[in-house]
Protein backbone atom coordinates (compact mmCIF):
# COMPACT_ATOMS: atom_id res chain seq x y z
CA UNK A 1 117.94 106.54 131.49
CA UNK A 2 117.17 106.47 127.73
CA UNK A 3 113.84 105.67 126.63
CA UNK A 4 112.41 101.76 126.87
CA UNK A 5 111.63 100.20 123.28
CA UNK A 6 113.27 98.58 120.62
CA UNK A 7 116.42 100.70 120.14
CA UNK A 8 119.72 100.07 121.33
CA UNK A 9 121.47 101.96 124.13
CA UNK A 10 125.08 103.54 123.53
CA UNK A 11 126.68 103.43 126.78
CA UNK A 12 129.82 105.92 127.27
CA UNK A 13 131.96 104.81 130.07
CA UNK A 14 134.41 107.38 132.03
CA UNK A 15 136.33 107.68 135.29
CA UNK A 16 134.16 109.95 137.65
CA UNK A 17 137.38 111.42 140.05
CA UNK A 18 134.39 113.25 142.06
CA UNK A 19 132.15 110.10 142.36
CA UNK A 20 135.18 108.07 143.39
CA UNK A 21 134.56 105.38 140.56
CA UNK A 22 133.15 104.81 137.07
CA UNK A 23 129.94 106.66 135.43
CA UNK A 24 127.56 105.30 132.60
CA UNK A 25 126.11 107.89 130.06
CA UNK A 26 123.42 106.50 128.13
CA UNK A 27 122.84 108.18 124.79
CA UNK A 28 120.21 106.96 122.59
CA UNK A 29 121.77 106.50 119.29
CA UNK A 30 125.13 106.75 117.81
CA UNK A 31 124.34 110.75 116.53
CA UNK A 32 123.89 111.97 119.93
CA UNK A 33 127.40 110.14 120.78
CA UNK A 34 128.92 111.77 117.83
CA UNK A 35 127.02 115.19 118.85
CA UNK A 36 129.29 114.69 122.34
CA UNK A 37 132.30 114.39 120.57
CA UNK A 38 131.97 117.55 118.62
CA UNK A 39 131.15 119.18 121.62
CA UNK A 40 134.11 118.19 123.19
CA UNK A 41 136.32 118.53 120.39
CA UNK A 42 135.14 122.33 120.41
CA UNK A 43 135.34 122.54 123.75
CA UNK A 44 131.64 123.89 123.88
CA UNK A 45 130.42 123.85 127.46
CA UNK A 46 127.24 121.96 128.59
CA UNK A 47 124.60 125.10 128.97
CA UNK A 48 122.02 123.04 130.55
CA UNK A 49 121.95 119.46 131.92
CA UNK A 50 119.16 117.05 132.65
CA UNK A 51 117.28 117.62 135.86
CA UNK A 52 115.61 114.59 137.08
CA UNK A 53 113.48 116.67 139.28
CA UNK A 54 111.56 118.18 136.57
CA UNK A 55 112.58 116.07 133.38
CA UNK A 56 114.36 118.86 131.40
CA UNK A 57 116.42 117.34 128.82
CA UNK A 58 119.82 118.47 127.21
CA UNK A 59 120.55 121.23 125.16
CA UNK A 60 123.55 122.35 123.85
CA UNK A 61 124.78 125.93 123.18
CA UNK A 62 124.11 127.80 120.13
CA UNK A 63 127.97 126.35 118.32
CA UNK A 64 126.20 122.75 118.38
CA UNK A 65 122.23 122.33 116.71
CA UNK A 66 119.88 121.47 120.13
CA UNK A 67 119.99 117.52 121.17
CA UNK A 68 116.71 116.65 122.91
CA UNK A 69 117.05 113.90 124.93
CA UNK A 70 120.38 113.46 124.19
CA UNK A 71 121.55 111.91 127.41
CA UNK A 72 119.91 110.71 130.74
CA UNK A 73 121.33 110.57 134.13
CA UNK A 74 119.38 109.51 137.69
CA UNK A 75 122.69 111.31 139.44
CA UNK A 76 120.90 114.48 141.58
CA UNK A 77 124.12 116.16 140.81
CA UNK A 78 125.81 115.28 137.83
CA UNK A 79 129.32 116.15 138.45
CA UNK A 80 130.45 114.54 135.07
CA UNK A 81 129.11 117.24 133.02
CA UNK A 82 131.95 119.12 133.98
CA UNK A 83 134.24 116.44 132.91
CA UNK A 84 132.20 116.40 129.44
CA UNK A 85 133.50 119.86 128.92
CA UNK A 86 137.00 119.47 129.35
CA UNK A 87 138.11 115.85 128.78
CA UNK A 88 138.10 114.11 125.38
CA UNK A 89 136.25 110.17 125.61
CA UNK A 90 137.82 107.33 126.22
CA UNK A 91 138.39 105.47 122.78
CA UNK A 92 135.88 103.31 120.46
CA UNK A 93 136.51 100.43 122.64
CA UNK A 94 134.64 102.17 125.02
CA UNK A 95 131.51 102.91 123.66
CA UNK A 96 128.81 99.85 123.11
CA UNK A 97 125.84 99.19 121.93
CA UNK A 98 123.33 97.49 124.56
CA UNK A 99 119.97 95.97 124.08
CA UNK A 100 117.32 97.32 126.86
CA UNK A 101 117.20 95.36 129.67
CA UNK A 102 114.16 94.35 132.39
CA UNK A 103 113.01 97.84 134.28
CA UNK A 104 114.66 95.56 137.37
CA UNK A 105 118.00 96.22 135.95
CA UNK A 106 117.93 99.97 135.35
CA UNK A 107 116.62 100.68 138.62
CA UNK A 108 119.47 98.30 140.43
CA UNK A 109 121.91 100.21 137.84
CA UNK A 110 120.53 103.61 138.74
CA UNK A 111 120.94 102.94 141.94
CA UNK A 112 124.60 101.59 141.58
CA UNK A 113 125.66 104.98 140.08
CA UNK A 114 123.84 107.68 141.91
CA UNK A 115 125.44 110.17 143.21
CA UNK A 116 123.70 112.52 145.67
CA UNK A 117 124.90 115.60 148.33
CA UNK A 118 122.75 117.20 150.77
CA UNK A 119 125.05 119.88 151.66
CA UNK A 120 124.61 123.97 151.20
CA UNK A 121 124.25 124.66 147.31
CA UNK A 122 127.03 126.34 145.57
CA UNK A 123 126.62 128.47 142.00
CA UNK A 124 127.73 125.58 140.45
CA UNK A 125 125.25 123.00 141.61
CA UNK A 126 122.14 125.08 141.67
CA UNK A 127 119.64 123.63 138.69
CA UNK A 128 119.29 125.42 135.32
CA UNK A 129 115.54 125.76 136.04
CA UNK A 130 116.39 127.17 139.41
CA UNK A 131 118.48 129.95 138.87
CA UNK A 132 115.93 132.25 137.97
CA UNK A 133 114.71 132.19 141.43
CA UNK A 134 118.36 133.48 143.00
CA UNK A 135 118.70 137.01 143.00
CA UNK A 136 121.64 138.69 141.40
CA UNK A 137 120.83 142.09 143.38
CA UNK A 138 119.54 143.58 146.33
CA UNK A 139 118.31 146.08 148.87
CA UNK A 140 119.07 145.51 152.18
CA UNK A 141 117.70 147.02 155.56
CA UNK A 142 120.72 149.48 156.82
CA UNK A 143 122.51 148.45 159.85
CA UNK A 144 122.24 144.90 159.27
CA UNK A 145 125.31 142.49 158.62
CA UNK A 146 126.03 139.02 157.53
CA UNK A 147 128.37 136.63 157.60
CA UNK A 148 129.41 133.31 157.31
CA UNK A 149 131.85 130.70 157.99
CA UNK A 150 132.67 126.67 157.60
CA UNK A 151 132.81 124.09 160.66
CA UNK A 152 131.96 120.97 159.12
CA UNK A 153 128.98 120.29 161.02
CA UNK A 154 128.57 117.39 158.69
CA UNK A 155 131.70 115.30 158.30
CA UNK A 156 130.71 114.98 154.48
CA UNK A 157 130.95 118.54 154.56
CA UNK A 158 134.49 119.53 153.58
CA UNK A 159 134.67 122.90 151.99
CA UNK A 160 130.62 124.54 152.12
CA UNK A 161 130.36 126.88 154.91
CA UNK A 162 127.55 126.13 157.41
CA UNK A 163 127.33 128.68 160.01
CA UNK A 164 125.01 131.86 159.36
CA UNK A 165 125.28 135.00 161.58
CA UNK A 166 122.66 137.35 160.75
CA UNK A 167 123.23 140.36 163.28
CA UNK A 168 122.45 144.61 163.53
CA UNK A 169 125.04 147.18 164.75
CA UNK A 170 122.68 148.18 167.19
CA UNK A 171 120.15 146.59 169.52
CA UNK A 172 116.61 145.83 168.02
CA UNK A 173 113.12 144.53 169.31
CA UNK A 174 112.39 140.87 167.79
CA UNK A 175 109.83 138.46 167.55
CA UNK A 176 109.39 134.81 166.82
CA UNK A 177 107.17 132.19 166.06
CA UNK A 178 107.79 128.90 166.41
CA UNK A 179 106.66 125.16 165.80
CA UNK A 180 104.29 122.98 167.40
CA UNK A 181 106.17 119.37 167.61
CA UNK A 182 106.22 118.14 171.02
CA UNK A 183 109.44 117.40 170.62
CA UNK A 184 110.81 121.04 169.93
CA UNK A 185 114.90 121.25 169.29
CA UNK A 186 117.19 122.74 172.04
CA UNK A 187 117.38 126.16 170.05
CA UNK A 188 113.82 126.94 169.44
CA UNK A 189 113.13 126.27 173.54
CA UNK A 190 116.38 128.56 173.90
CA UNK A 191 115.09 131.00 171.67
CA UNK A 192 111.81 131.21 173.00
CA UNK A 193 112.22 131.38 176.88
CA UNK A 194 114.91 134.74 175.28
CA UNK A 195 112.29 136.40 174.12
CA UNK A 196 109.99 135.85 176.43
CA UNK A 197 112.32 136.93 179.48
CA UNK A 198 113.91 140.03 177.36
CA UNK A 199 109.90 140.82 176.29
CA UNK A 200 111.20 141.22 172.49
CA UNK A 201 113.87 143.80 173.01
CA UNK A 202 117.43 144.27 173.36
CA UNK A 203 118.44 141.96 170.70
CA UNK A 204 121.62 141.38 168.57
CA UNK A 205 120.87 139.08 166.01
CA UNK A 206 120.37 135.06 165.26
CA UNK A 207 123.46 132.56 164.76
CA UNK A 208 122.28 129.23 162.68
CA UNK A 209 124.17 126.20 162.01
CA UNK A 210 123.30 123.80 159.49
CA UNK A 211 123.84 120.25 159.37
CA UNK A 212 122.52 118.69 162.59
CA UNK A 213 119.50 119.68 164.07
CA UNK A 214 120.19 119.77 167.97
CA UNK A 215 116.93 118.20 168.40
CA UNK A 216 116.45 115.58 171.02
CA UNK A 217 119.66 115.72 172.58
CA UNK A 218 118.97 116.13 175.95
CA UNK A 219 120.56 118.13 178.58
CA UNK A 220 123.68 118.59 176.28
CA UNK A 221 121.64 119.93 173.39
CA UNK A 222 120.84 123.30 175.40
CA UNK A 223 124.21 123.33 176.89
CA UNK A 224 125.28 123.39 173.29
CA UNK A 225 122.60 126.05 171.98
CA UNK A 226 123.81 128.17 175.10
CA UNK A 227 127.20 128.07 174.09
CA UNK A 228 126.40 129.00 170.47
CA UNK A 229 124.78 132.06 172.01
CA UNK A 230 126.81 132.87 174.17
CA UNK A 231 129.44 132.65 172.12
CA UNK A 232 128.34 135.02 169.60
CA UNK A 233 127.44 137.55 172.01
CA UNK A 234 131.19 137.53 173.20
CA UNK A 235 131.74 138.72 169.41
CA UNK A 236 130.16 142.06 170.48
CA UNK A 237 131.69 142.60 173.65
CA UNK A 238 128.00 141.45 175.27
CA UNK A 239 129.06 139.55 178.31
CA UNK A 240 125.82 139.17 180.40
CA UNK A 241 125.75 137.56 183.69
CA UNK A 242 124.19 133.82 183.52
CA UNK A 243 120.87 135.22 184.75
CA UNK A 244 120.56 137.29 181.76
CA UNK A 245 119.03 135.81 178.61
CA UNK A 246 121.91 135.88 175.41
CA UNK A 247 121.20 138.73 173.18
CA UNK A 248 121.27 136.17 170.00
CA UNK A 249 118.65 133.75 169.25
CA UNK A 250 119.45 130.05 167.72
CA UNK A 251 118.62 127.89 165.22
CA UNK A 252 119.92 124.32 164.12
CA UNK A 253 118.90 122.49 160.73
CA UNK A 254 119.56 118.60 159.55
CA UNK A 255 119.82 115.63 161.35
CA UNK A 256 117.10 115.01 164.21
CA UNK A 257 119.05 113.38 167.44
CA UNK A 258 122.46 113.84 166.80
CA UNK A 259 124.67 116.17 168.83
CA UNK A 260 126.75 119.10 167.47
CA UNK A 261 130.49 118.90 167.39
CA UNK A 262 130.21 121.73 169.15
CA UNK A 263 134.05 122.60 169.26
CA UNK A 264 134.04 123.09 165.45
CA UNK A 265 130.93 125.43 165.94
CA UNK A 266 133.09 127.44 168.72
CA UNK A 267 135.93 127.84 166.86
CA UNK A 268 133.91 129.07 163.21
CA UNK A 269 131.57 131.53 165.16
CA UNK A 270 134.79 134.26 165.68
CA UNK A 271 135.45 133.78 161.67
CA UNK A 272 131.78 134.30 160.80
CA UNK A 273 131.98 137.66 162.89
CA UNK A 274 135.15 138.39 160.90
CA UNK A 275 133.18 137.95 157.74
CA UNK A 276 130.79 140.25 158.53
CA UNK A 277 129.22 142.69 155.52
CA UNK A 278 126.30 144.04 153.99
CA UNK A 279 126.75 143.55 150.44
CA UNK A 280 124.69 141.43 148.11
CA UNK A 281 126.97 138.59 148.07
CA UNK A 282 127.24 138.81 151.99
CA UNK A 283 123.71 138.11 151.99
CA UNK A 284 123.66 135.70 149.33
CA UNK A 285 126.47 133.39 150.90
CA UNK A 286 124.25 133.24 154.15
CA UNK A 287 121.56 131.95 151.95
CA UNK A 288 123.61 129.08 150.93
CA UNK A 289 125.01 128.58 154.24
CA UNK A 290 121.61 127.54 155.80
CA UNK A 291 120.40 125.32 153.39
CA UNK A 292 120.61 121.26 153.66
CA UNK A 293 118.51 119.53 150.78
CA UNK A 294 117.53 122.78 149.17
CA UNK A 295 118.75 122.94 145.85
CA UNK A 296 119.35 126.61 145.62
CA UNK A 297 119.35 129.43 147.97
CA UNK A 298 115.90 131.73 148.88
CA UNK A 299 116.96 135.10 149.72
CA UNK A 300 114.35 138.50 149.09
CA UNK A 301 114.76 142.02 149.34
CA UNK A 302 112.59 145.08 148.64
CA UNK A 303 112.19 148.71 149.30
CA UNK A 304 108.83 150.49 150.67
CA UNK A 305 107.60 153.69 152.37
CA UNK A 306 104.95 154.16 155.40
CA UNK A 307 102.14 157.13 154.98
CA UNK A 308 103.80 159.53 157.83
CA UNK A 309 107.31 159.75 156.00
CA UNK A 310 106.32 159.31 152.26
CA UNK A 311 109.87 160.54 151.73
CA UNK A 312 111.93 157.84 153.95
CA UNK A 313 113.47 154.68 152.11
CA UNK A 314 112.73 151.04 154.16
CA UNK A 315 113.82 148.35 153.44
CA UNK A 316 113.29 144.69 154.15
CA UNK A 317 115.22 141.57 153.31
CA UNK A 318 115.11 138.13 154.33
CA UNK A 319 116.26 134.37 153.63
CA UNK A 320 114.47 131.00 154.61
CA UNK A 321 115.33 127.47 154.03
CA UNK A 322 113.00 124.20 153.09
CA UNK A 323 112.71 121.42 150.98
CA UNK A 324 111.50 118.86 153.05
CA UNK A 325 109.81 118.08 156.51
CA UNK A 326 107.42 121.45 155.69
CA UNK A 327 104.19 121.76 157.01
CA UNK A 328 103.78 124.40 159.47
CA UNK A 329 101.98 124.72 162.62
CA UNK A 330 102.42 128.45 163.72
CA UNK A 331 105.63 128.48 161.99
CA UNK A 332 107.88 126.80 159.27
CA UNK A 333 111.25 125.87 158.21
CA UNK A 334 113.75 128.34 159.13
CA UNK A 335 113.01 131.99 158.24
CA UNK A 336 115.12 134.99 158.84
CA UNK A 337 113.69 138.29 158.44
CA UNK A 338 115.57 142.30 158.81
CA UNK A 339 113.75 145.70 158.27
CA UNK A 340 114.90 148.97 159.16
CA UNK A 341 112.03 150.31 160.43
CA UNK A 342 111.22 151.14 164.13
CA UNK A 343 108.89 148.55 165.72
CA UNK A 344 107.60 148.58 169.16
CA UNK A 345 108.91 145.47 171.25
CA UNK A 346 105.24 145.00 172.09
CA UNK A 347 103.73 145.06 168.61
CA UNK A 348 106.38 142.81 166.82
CA UNK A 349 105.09 139.33 167.71
CA UNK A 350 101.46 140.63 166.55
CA UNK A 351 102.64 141.46 163.58
CA UNK A 352 105.14 138.44 163.21
CA UNK A 353 102.10 136.17 163.82
CA UNK A 354 99.64 137.46 161.59
CA UNK A 355 101.77 137.62 158.44
CA UNK A 356 102.67 134.13 159.26
CA UNK A 357 99.24 132.49 159.45
CA UNK A 358 98.39 133.54 156.19
CA UNK A 359 102.05 133.04 154.82
CA UNK A 360 104.22 130.47 156.06
CA UNK A 361 101.51 128.37 157.92
CA UNK A 362 99.72 127.91 154.26
CA UNK A 363 102.46 125.46 152.73
CA UNK A 364 103.12 122.37 152.65
CA UNK A 365 105.07 119.51 151.01
CA UNK A 366 104.88 116.48 152.92
CA UNK A 367 102.78 116.93 155.99
CA UNK A 368 105.70 116.61 158.48
CA UNK A 369 106.02 119.61 160.77
CA UNK A 370 109.56 119.74 161.90
CA UNK A 371 110.81 119.78 165.56
CA UNK A 372 113.02 123.34 164.30
CA UNK A 373 110.59 125.21 162.71
CA UNK A 374 111.48 129.18 163.45
CA UNK A 375 110.75 131.93 161.68
CA UNK A 376 112.05 135.65 163.19
CA UNK A 377 111.31 139.11 162.61
CA UNK A 378 114.53 141.78 163.36
CA UNK A 379 113.72 145.43 163.35
CA UNK A 380 116.72 147.97 164.64
CA UNK A 381 114.96 151.20 163.27
CA UNK A 382 118.10 152.27 161.32
CA UNK A 383 116.01 154.47 158.54
CA UNK A 384 113.26 155.99 160.66
CA UNK A 385 113.97 159.62 160.95
CA UNK A 386 114.46 160.94 164.31
CA UNK A 387 112.26 161.19 166.65
CA UNK A 388 109.96 158.67 164.84
CA UNK A 389 107.48 156.95 167.27
CA UNK A 390 107.76 152.95 166.63
CA UNK A 391 104.90 151.24 165.16
CA UNK A 392 103.00 149.86 167.42
CA UNK A 393 99.57 148.46 167.55
CA UNK A 394 96.39 150.30 168.96
CA UNK A 395 94.97 149.01 172.46
CA UNK A 396 91.91 147.31 171.53
CA UNK A 397 94.37 145.36 169.27
CA UNK A 398 96.75 144.43 171.35
CA UNK A 399 96.36 140.87 172.66
CA UNK A 400 95.86 140.39 176.53
CA UNK A 401 98.93 139.31 179.05
CA UNK A 402 99.19 135.62 177.75
CA UNK A 403 97.23 135.68 174.82
CA UNK A 404 98.48 133.13 171.99
CA UNK A 405 96.81 134.17 169.35
CA UNK A 406 97.31 137.77 167.83
CA UNK A 407 94.57 139.97 166.37
CA UNK A 408 94.73 141.36 162.99
CA UNK A 409 96.66 144.76 163.20
CA UNK A 410 94.43 146.07 159.79
CA UNK A 411 91.37 145.28 161.25
CA UNK A 412 90.90 148.28 164.02
CA UNK A 413 87.70 148.24 165.96
CA UNK A 414 85.82 149.96 168.56
CA UNK A 415 86.88 153.51 169.17
CA UNK A 416 90.78 153.35 168.16
CA UNK A 417 91.78 155.17 164.94
CA UNK A 418 93.48 153.38 162.39
CA UNK A 419 97.55 153.09 162.40
CA UNK A 420 97.87 153.73 158.92
CA UNK A 421 101.68 152.60 159.56
CA UNK A 422 101.03 149.76 160.80
CA UNK A 423 98.66 148.92 158.58
CA UNK A 424 100.81 149.69 155.18
CA UNK A 425 103.91 147.79 157.15
CA UNK A 426 101.82 144.65 157.49
CA UNK A 427 100.52 144.51 154.28
CA UNK A 428 104.09 144.65 153.03
CA UNK A 429 105.33 142.06 155.52
CA UNK A 430 102.65 139.99 154.52
CA UNK A 431 103.74 140.66 150.61
CA UNK A 432 106.96 139.79 151.40
CA UNK A 433 106.61 136.67 153.25
CA UNK A 434 104.29 135.26 151.15
CA UNK A 435 106.87 135.33 148.08
CA UNK A 436 109.47 133.51 150.84
CA UNK A 437 107.26 131.14 151.35
CA UNK A 438 106.67 130.15 147.79
CA UNK A 439 110.10 129.33 146.89
CA UNK A 440 110.04 126.94 150.02
CA UNK A 441 107.40 125.47 147.80
CA UNK A 442 109.22 125.82 144.70
CA UNK A 443 112.18 123.84 145.90
CA UNK A 444 110.31 120.57 147.67
CA UNK A 445 111.82 117.54 147.55
CA UNK A 446 111.77 116.05 144.32
CA UNK A 447 108.54 118.50 143.24
CA UNK A 448 108.18 118.94 139.40
CA UNK A 449 105.28 121.42 140.07
CA UNK A 450 103.96 124.20 142.25
CA UNK A 451 100.29 123.56 143.01
CA UNK A 452 97.97 126.94 144.56
CA UNK A 453 95.34 125.08 146.18
CA UNK A 454 91.76 127.70 146.26
CA UNK A 455 89.35 127.00 148.37
CA UNK A 456 86.05 129.22 148.54
CA UNK A 457 83.27 128.91 151.18
CA UNK A 458 80.45 131.04 152.65
CA UNK A 459 80.55 129.53 155.65
CA UNK A 460 83.74 130.88 157.46
CA UNK A 461 87.44 131.29 156.07
CA UNK A 462 88.19 128.34 158.70
CA UNK A 463 86.21 126.18 156.80
CA UNK A 464 87.78 127.03 153.18
CA UNK A 465 90.83 126.73 154.92
CA UNK A 466 90.28 123.04 156.38
CA UNK A 467 89.48 121.73 152.93
CA UNK A 468 92.78 123.81 150.81
CA UNK A 469 94.84 121.97 154.18
CA UNK A 470 93.37 118.55 153.38
CA UNK A 471 93.92 118.70 149.66
CA UNK A 472 97.66 119.89 150.06
CA UNK A 473 98.70 117.14 152.76
CA UNK A 474 97.12 113.99 150.64
CA UNK A 475 99.60 111.85 148.78
CA UNK A 476 97.50 110.44 146.65
CA UNK A 477 96.55 114.00 144.80
CA UNK A 478 100.07 114.74 145.03
CA UNK A 479 101.26 111.66 143.07
CA UNK A 480 98.22 112.10 140.73
CA UNK A 481 99.62 115.53 139.72
CA UNK A 482 102.90 114.05 138.90
CA UNK A 483 101.50 111.61 137.35
CA UNK A 484 99.53 114.12 135.04
CA UNK A 485 96.72 112.23 136.11
CA UNK A 486 93.53 114.35 136.44
CA UNK A 487 91.77 111.98 139.23
CA UNK A 488 89.73 114.41 140.83
CA UNK A 489 87.76 111.63 142.93
CA UNK A 490 90.71 112.15 145.48
CA UNK A 491 90.35 116.03 145.33
CA UNK A 492 87.09 114.94 146.98
CA UNK A 493 87.91 112.48 148.90
CA UNK A 494 90.33 114.89 150.89
CA UNK A 495 88.09 117.52 151.46
CA UNK A 496 85.40 115.00 153.16
CA UNK A 497 87.81 113.46 155.54
CA UNK A 498 89.35 116.83 156.67
CA UNK A 499 89.30 117.72 160.55
CA UNK A 500 86.15 119.68 161.40
CA UNK A 501 84.47 118.56 158.18
CA UNK A 502 84.22 114.31 158.46
CA UNK A 503 81.74 113.49 161.14
CA UNK A 504 84.02 111.46 163.71
CA UNK A 505 86.34 113.83 164.01
CA UNK A 506 85.11 115.39 167.78
CA UNK A 507 84.84 118.93 165.69
CA UNK A 508 81.86 120.81 165.18
CA UNK A 509 80.57 120.04 161.36
CA UNK A 510 76.71 121.25 162.02
CA UNK A 511 76.24 125.25 161.40
CA UNK A 512 73.03 126.94 162.45
CA UNK A 513 70.54 128.11 159.33
CA UNK A 514 67.55 129.40 161.39
CA UNK A 515 64.96 126.68 160.73
CA UNK A 516 67.74 123.53 160.64
CA UNK A 517 71.17 122.56 160.43
CA UNK A 518 73.39 122.03 157.50
CA UNK A 519 76.83 120.32 157.17
CA UNK A 520 79.55 122.66 157.05
CA UNK A 521 80.76 121.26 153.49
CA UNK A 522 77.52 120.13 150.92
CA UNK A 523 78.25 118.05 147.98
CA UNK A 524 75.31 119.25 145.82
CA UNK A 525 77.16 122.73 146.41
CA UNK A 526 80.64 121.57 145.68
CA UNK A 527 82.15 122.32 142.31
CA UNK A 528 86.79 121.32 141.86
CA UNK A 529 88.54 122.62 138.81
CA UNK A 530 91.68 123.08 137.32
CA UNK A 531 92.98 126.58 136.43
CA UNK A 532 95.46 126.81 133.66
CA UNK A 533 98.71 129.34 134.59
CA UNK A 534 98.36 130.74 130.81
CA UNK A 535 95.34 132.37 131.67
CA UNK A 536 93.31 130.09 129.79
CA UNK A 537 89.76 128.25 130.22
CA UNK A 538 89.42 126.97 133.22
CA UNK A 539 88.86 123.30 133.43
CA UNK A 540 85.45 121.89 134.87
CA UNK A 541 86.13 118.44 136.72
CA UNK A 542 83.18 118.46 138.73
CA UNK A 543 80.13 121.17 139.25
CA UNK A 544 77.65 120.76 142.22
CA UNK A 545 78.38 117.54 142.76
CA UNK A 546 78.06 115.79 139.44
CA UNK A 547 80.82 114.67 137.36
CA UNK A 548 81.75 116.50 134.07
CA UNK A 549 82.91 114.47 131.22
CA UNK A 550 86.71 115.58 131.58
CA UNK A 551 88.19 116.33 128.02
CA UNK A 552 91.72 114.09 129.30
CA UNK A 553 93.74 115.33 126.67
CA UNK A 554 93.36 119.57 127.54
CA UNK A 555 93.77 117.71 131.19
CA UNK A 556 97.03 116.47 130.60
CA UNK A 557 98.09 119.72 129.00
CA UNK A 558 97.24 121.36 132.05
CA UNK A 559 99.10 118.99 134.36
CA UNK A 560 102.20 119.45 132.11
CA UNK A 561 102.41 122.86 133.28
CA UNK A 562 105.18 123.33 136.12
CA UNK A 563 102.25 125.80 137.57
CA UNK A 564 99.11 125.02 137.95
CA UNK A 565 95.86 125.82 140.40
CA UNK A 566 93.18 123.77 141.91
CA UNK A 567 90.02 125.64 142.64
CA UNK A 568 87.35 124.39 144.50
CA UNK A 569 83.52 126.09 145.20
CA UNK A 570 82.03 125.03 148.41
CA UNK A 571 79.40 127.35 147.98
CA UNK A 572 78.67 126.67 144.20
CA UNK A 573 74.81 127.06 143.86
CA UNK A 574 71.62 127.92 145.75
CA UNK A 575 71.73 128.49 149.34
CA UNK A 576 70.47 125.89 151.73
CA UNK A 577 66.51 126.80 152.72
CA UNK A 578 66.31 129.12 155.61
CA UNK A 579 70.05 130.41 155.15
CA UNK A 580 70.73 133.61 154.19
CA UNK A 581 73.31 135.03 151.57
CA UNK A 582 76.81 135.10 153.51
CA UNK A 583 80.07 136.48 152.71
CA UNK A 584 82.34 134.43 150.38
CA UNK A 585 85.71 133.24 152.33
CA UNK A 586 88.72 132.07 150.86
CA UNK A 587 91.65 130.07 151.73
CA UNK A 588 94.72 129.80 149.35
CA UNK A 589 97.08 127.50 150.43
CA UNK A 590 100.52 126.13 148.31
CA UNK A 591 101.90 122.92 147.80
CA UNK A 592 103.90 120.52 145.42
CA UNK A 593 103.96 116.91 143.75
CA UNK A 594 105.40 113.75 145.00
CA UNK A 595 107.75 112.41 142.55
CA UNK A 596 110.14 109.47 142.54
CA UNK A 597 112.60 111.31 143.66
CA UNK A 598 110.86 112.51 147.38
CA UNK A 599 111.47 108.68 148.21
CA UNK A 600 115.24 108.60 146.81
CA UNK A 601 116.20 112.15 148.70
CA UNK A 602 114.41 110.63 152.42
CA UNK A 603 115.14 106.93 152.03
CA UNK A 604 118.51 107.17 153.08
CA UNK A 605 118.75 111.17 154.15
CA UNK A 606 120.37 109.89 157.63
CA UNK A 607 122.88 107.54 156.09
């Protein structure tokens, strides 16, 4: 929408065949209208379009002078830009000067012309600002194949693929971490049971549908999840009896409380099998097909080597989806990771859980933990030299039977010698999953900023992480970041009420220091700063509990950046009397801001 003020608006009315109605395009002055006409006359395509997520202005390509603020639209997917690039505009009678109206009128008009779509993205609809996150090539693990097909799970999706198959040409080990939400979706429960019953080995891969979560769907939901898995097994001739769990894991994503159109899905699964391939295009199409409100597909791959076989090149690849309902607990969103390393079935869960707790469990978009959160790791050993032993954990690091929390594979203790290959792979896996998790935050629904929250404490890592999580979940902090308001009081407030820090949460807040007790977080030792992404000097907001005189102009400059860091020191200042200097612990969490667009997207997501 054009800026408010005394200037008139110029409106261009044209029929939008995609939206099945008229669109009003606004220009700030007659010069902009003339520029559009020149663009059309020269058949020049718009090289960038207005992105309501980050306020990027229109720009034309080099054939015309750059025009900033040329057009404004509140359409999430401005289909009309295609019309501008190939049609002539209506006559002068359709161009009229409009006096500025009230903000209420503009909001009503904006809602009237809003066009949104929640199907998987295609190359045509990926915002220009997000194209840099979409890979153009990749190095993918040996023996893994991916395929997609269209089922039309969501009635409004008439063309985009929404069934994804990721499989190995040989049976492999598999691990998974899942949501802790009480209302776990049927595919989550079926997949968990399969992994447990088959002790993490003998799996083919995973089948995914987007458009419907198959959550809170009763007994029929479980039947549908089993049908999806069995149908995939049959494509490979794997037809175990009903008493044997399926060799395929299941994932579903979309609207909660609606049942799957299972006939459409079973008809589409063989088509996905027929489309299997290992090229970059196959992997990219699969990453697109699992999307819902995502604005770009999230796909990564890389190669690495292990100490015991330095001449052998291994690969790891993964895709993830998620833009909203992101605040994980033991897992998050949907994530599929594949590698051609050989991993022992007894070790795969521990490795995945260790990496997940430091990556996917350290992101938050809106504080909501989904019913369908799942991250899986498949390892088929296809690149391992003949006779290579699978990666395993030293005996002292293996969790006891029934244990839920894995011990860090990179911290051997007791008499066990270090397992160099295990340590090396765990490091690779954690770094890889960190980069995948960050892509989810960068695609947060309506997000305009990528925010790193770094908290340091000399008490424990868990104190630092509790504070970081609380800041990341605060709607007041996130809206202040969107508004470019250096309201640091909201950051301190979020730390102060964090579970385990605020005194009435029922969790311990006192630590022993020898001669007495002290709080886990002490205001007089707490400092907060903004750290710019460009490497310039940090802006101190609070130092040891005392407010700084903040340069508001500098603060706004930092908050204008797409990336920024909030640095919190809970250990700034003298150690309390009677306490020895302790090791510094650091927790890092990634989040984004809250914008008007988040409300727009989620206000009518189901309808």
